Amino acid sequence: MEKKIPMRQCLGCREMKPKRELIRVVRSSDGVISLDFRGKAPGRGAYVCPNPVCLKKAVKARALERAFSAQIPAEIYARLEAEMERGDDG
């Protein structure tokens, strides 16, 4: 029997993709927002393609604010974009 591949929707392009291909943005219980490249960090997660264009679309649509029910300051977006471009474990 084949193993089921978990699918998640990108907040930018709105396409369903395998979870492992996406970057997880996490809001922890204390409200800290960060990138989770391993997909294991505790907290509420939202997914974005590893593409700065998708992040820009998500920012324009205020998708992260809706996903986390919280205001997200501009400096958080700047940090997310920089971490995404580096592609490390921010």
C-alpha atoms as a PDB file:
ATOM      1  CA  MET A   1       0.000   0.000   0.000  1.00  0.00           C
ATOM      2  CA  GLU A   2       1.345   3.424  -0.965  1.00  0.00           C
ATOM      3  CA  LYS A   3       2.067   5.946   1.749  1.00  0.00           C
ATOM      4  CA  LYS A   4      -0.264   8.953   1.677  1.00  0.00           C
ATOM      5  CA  ILE A   5       1.481  12.253   0.886  1.00  0.00           C
ATOM      6  CA  PRO A   6       0.175  15.124   3.041  1.00  0.00           C
ATOM      7  CA  MET A   7      -0.937  18.064   0.902  1.00  0.00           C
ATOM      8  CA  ARG A   8      -1.103  21.716   1.954  1.00  0.00           C
ATOM      9  CA  GLN A   9      -2.254  24.881   0.200  1.00  0.00           C
ATOM     10  CA  CYS A  10       0.191  27.702  -0.500  1.00  0.00           C
ATOM     11  CA  LEU A  11      -1.137  31.029   0.796  1.00  0.00           C
ATOM     12  CA  GLY A  12       0.369  32.839  -2.204  1.00  0.00           C
ATOM     13  CA  CYS A  13      -0.565  30.863  -5.318  1.00  0.00           C
ATOM     14  CA  ARG A  14      -3.383  28.893  -3.573  1.00  0.00           C
ATOM     15  CA  GLU A  15      -2.167  25.619  -5.157  1.00  0.00           C
ATOM     16  CA  MET A  16      -2.252  22.318  -3.285  1.00  0.00           C
ATOM     17  CA  LYS A  17       1.253  20.886  -3.075  1.00  0.00           C
ATOM     18  CA  PRO A  18       3.031  18.186  -1.072  1.00  0.00           C
ATOM     19  CA  LYS A  19       3.793  19.474   2.428  1.00  0.00           C
ATOM     20  CA  ARG A  20       7.536  18.812   2.048  1.00  0.00           C
ATOM     21  CA  GLU A  21       7.770  21.179  -0.958  1.00  0.00           C
ATOM     22  CA  LEU A  22       6.395  24.123   1.038  1.00  0.00           C
ATOM     23  CA  ILE A  23       7.854  26.341   3.747  1.00  0.00           C
ATOM     24  CA  ARG A  24       5.891  26.442   6.977  1.00  0.00           C
ATOM     25  CA  VAL A  25       5.360  29.798   8.658  1.00  0.00           C
ATOM     26  CA  VAL A  26       4.644  29.251  12.358  1.00  0.00           C
ATOM     27  CA  ARG A  27       3.023  31.346  15.066  1.00  0.00           C
ATOM     28  CA  SER A  28       4.054  29.902  18.406  1.00  0.00           C
ATOM     29  CA  SER A  29       1.843  29.986  21.495  1.00  0.00           C
ATOM     30  CA  ASP A  30       3.619  33.168  22.654  1.00  0.00           C
ATOM     31  CA  GLY A  31       2.931  34.886  19.313  1.00  0.00           C
ATOM     32  CA  VAL A  32       6.415  34.669  17.776  1.00  0.00           C
ATOM     33  CA  ILE A  33       6.303  34.196  13.994  1.00  0.00           C
ATOM     34  CA  SER A  34       9.116  32.323  12.255  1.00  0.00           C
ATOM     35  CA  LEU A  35       9.917  30.032   9.332  1.00  0.00           C
ATOM     36  CA  ASP A  36       9.970  26.298   9.943  1.00  0.00           C
ATOM     37  CA  PHE A  37      11.894  24.504   7.191  1.00  0.00           C
ATOM     38  CA  ARG A  38      11.564  21.086   8.867  1.00  0.00           C
ATOM     39  CA  GLY A  39       7.802  21.320   9.484  1.00  0.00           C
ATOM     40  CA  LYS A  40       8.143  20.167  13.088  1.00  0.00           C
ATOM     41  CA  ALA A  41       7.992  23.371  15.181  1.00  0.00           C
ATOM     42  CA  PRO A  42       5.065  23.608  17.605  1.00  0.00           C
ATOM     43  CA  GLY A  43       2.372  26.174  16.896  1.00  0.00           C
ATOM     44  CA  ARG A  44      -0.124  27.223  14.265  1.00  0.00           C
ATOM     45  CA  GLY A  45       1.248  26.707  10.771  1.00  0.00           C
ATOM     46  CA  ALA A  46       0.584  28.245   7.383  1.00  0.00           C
ATOM     47  CA  TYR A  47       2.354  27.249   4.183  1.00  0.00           C
ATOM     48  CA  VAL A  48       4.030  29.201   1.373  1.00  0.00           C
ATOM     49  CA  CYS A  49       5.941  27.988  -1.682  1.00  0.00           C
ATOM     50  CA  PRO A  50       9.726  28.509  -1.414  1.00  0.00           C
ATOM     51  CA  ASN A  51       9.321  31.314  -3.929  1.00  0.00           C
ATOM     52  CA  PRO A  52       9.512  35.035  -3.040  1.00  0.00           C
ATOM     53  CA  VAL A  53       6.716  35.692  -5.575  1.00  0.00           C
ATOM     54  CA  CYS A  54       4.321  33.516  -3.559  1.00  0.00           C
ATOM     55  CA  LEU A  55       5.343  35.316  -0.371  1.00  0.00           C
ATOM     56  CA  LYS A  56       4.630  38.668  -2.043  1.00  0.00           C
ATOM     57  CA  LYS A  57       1.176  37.424  -3.115  1.00  0.00           C
ATOM     58  CA  ALA A  58       0.467  36.233   0.434  1.00  0.00           C
ATOM     59  CA  VAL A  59       1.539  39.628   1.807  1.00  0.00           C
ATOM     60  CA  LYS A  60      -0.632  41.521  -0.679  1.00  0.00           C
ATOM     61  CA  ALA A  61      -3.674  39.372   0.137  1.00  0.00           C
ATOM     62  CA  ARG A  62      -2.941  39.633   3.896  1.00  0.00           C
ATOM     63  CA  ALA A  63      -3.177  35.826   3.952  1.00  0.00           C
ATOM     64  CA  LEU A  64      -0.849  35.388   6.937  1.00  0.00           C
ATOM     65  CA  GLU A  65      -2.879  37.861   9.003  1.00  0.00           C
ATOM     66  CA  ARG A  66      -6.012  35.833   8.267  1.00  0.00           C
ATOM     67  CA  ALA A  67      -4.307  32.498   8.911  1.00  0.00           C
ATOM     68  CA  PHE A  68      -2.959  33.600  12.284  1.00  0.00           C
ATOM     69  CA  SER A  69      -5.782  36.015  13.258  1.00  0.00           C
ATOM     70  CA  ALA A  70      -3.121  38.564  14.192  1.00  0.00           C
ATOM     71  CA  GLN A  71      -1.470  41.721  12.853  1.00  0.00           C
ATOM     72  CA  ILE A  72       1.928  40.992  11.343  1.00  0.00           C
ATOM     73  CA  PRO A  73       4.416  43.905  11.348  1.00  0.00           C
ATOM     74  CA  ALA A  74       6.313  44.794   8.164  1.00  0.00           C
ATOM     75  CA  GLU A  75       9.654  43.866   9.750  1.00  0.00           C
ATOM     76  CA  ILE A  76       8.408  40.284  10.180  1.00  0.00           C
ATOM     77  CA  TYR A  77       7.710  40.070   6.446  1.00  0.00           C
ATOM     78  CA  ALA A  78      11.140  41.499   5.655  1.00  0.00           C
ATOM     79  CA  ARG A  79      12.783  38.901   7.916  1.00  0.00           C
ATOM     80  CA  LEU A  80      10.731  36.085   6.365  1.00  0.00           C
ATOM     81  CA  GLU A  81      11.722  37.173   2.862  1.00  0.00           C
ATOM     82  CA  ALA A  82      15.412  37.368   3.813  1.00  0.00           C
ATOM     83  CA  GLU A  83      15.303  33.952   5.507  1.00  0.00           C
ATOM     84  CA  MET A  84      13.501  32.469   2.518  1.00  0.00           C
ATOM     85  CA  GLU A  85      16.167  33.760   0.149  1.00  0.00           C
ATOM     86  CA  ARG A  86      18.906  32.253   2.347  1.00  0.00           C
ATOM     87  CA  GLY A  87      16.948  29.005   2.712  1.00  0.00           C
ATOM     88  CA  ASP A  88      18.382  28.045   6.103  1.00  0.00           C
ATOM     89  CA  ASP A  89      16.705  27.057   9.382  1.00  0.00           C
ATOM     90  CA  GLY A  90      15.787  30.635  10.437  1.00  0.00           C
END
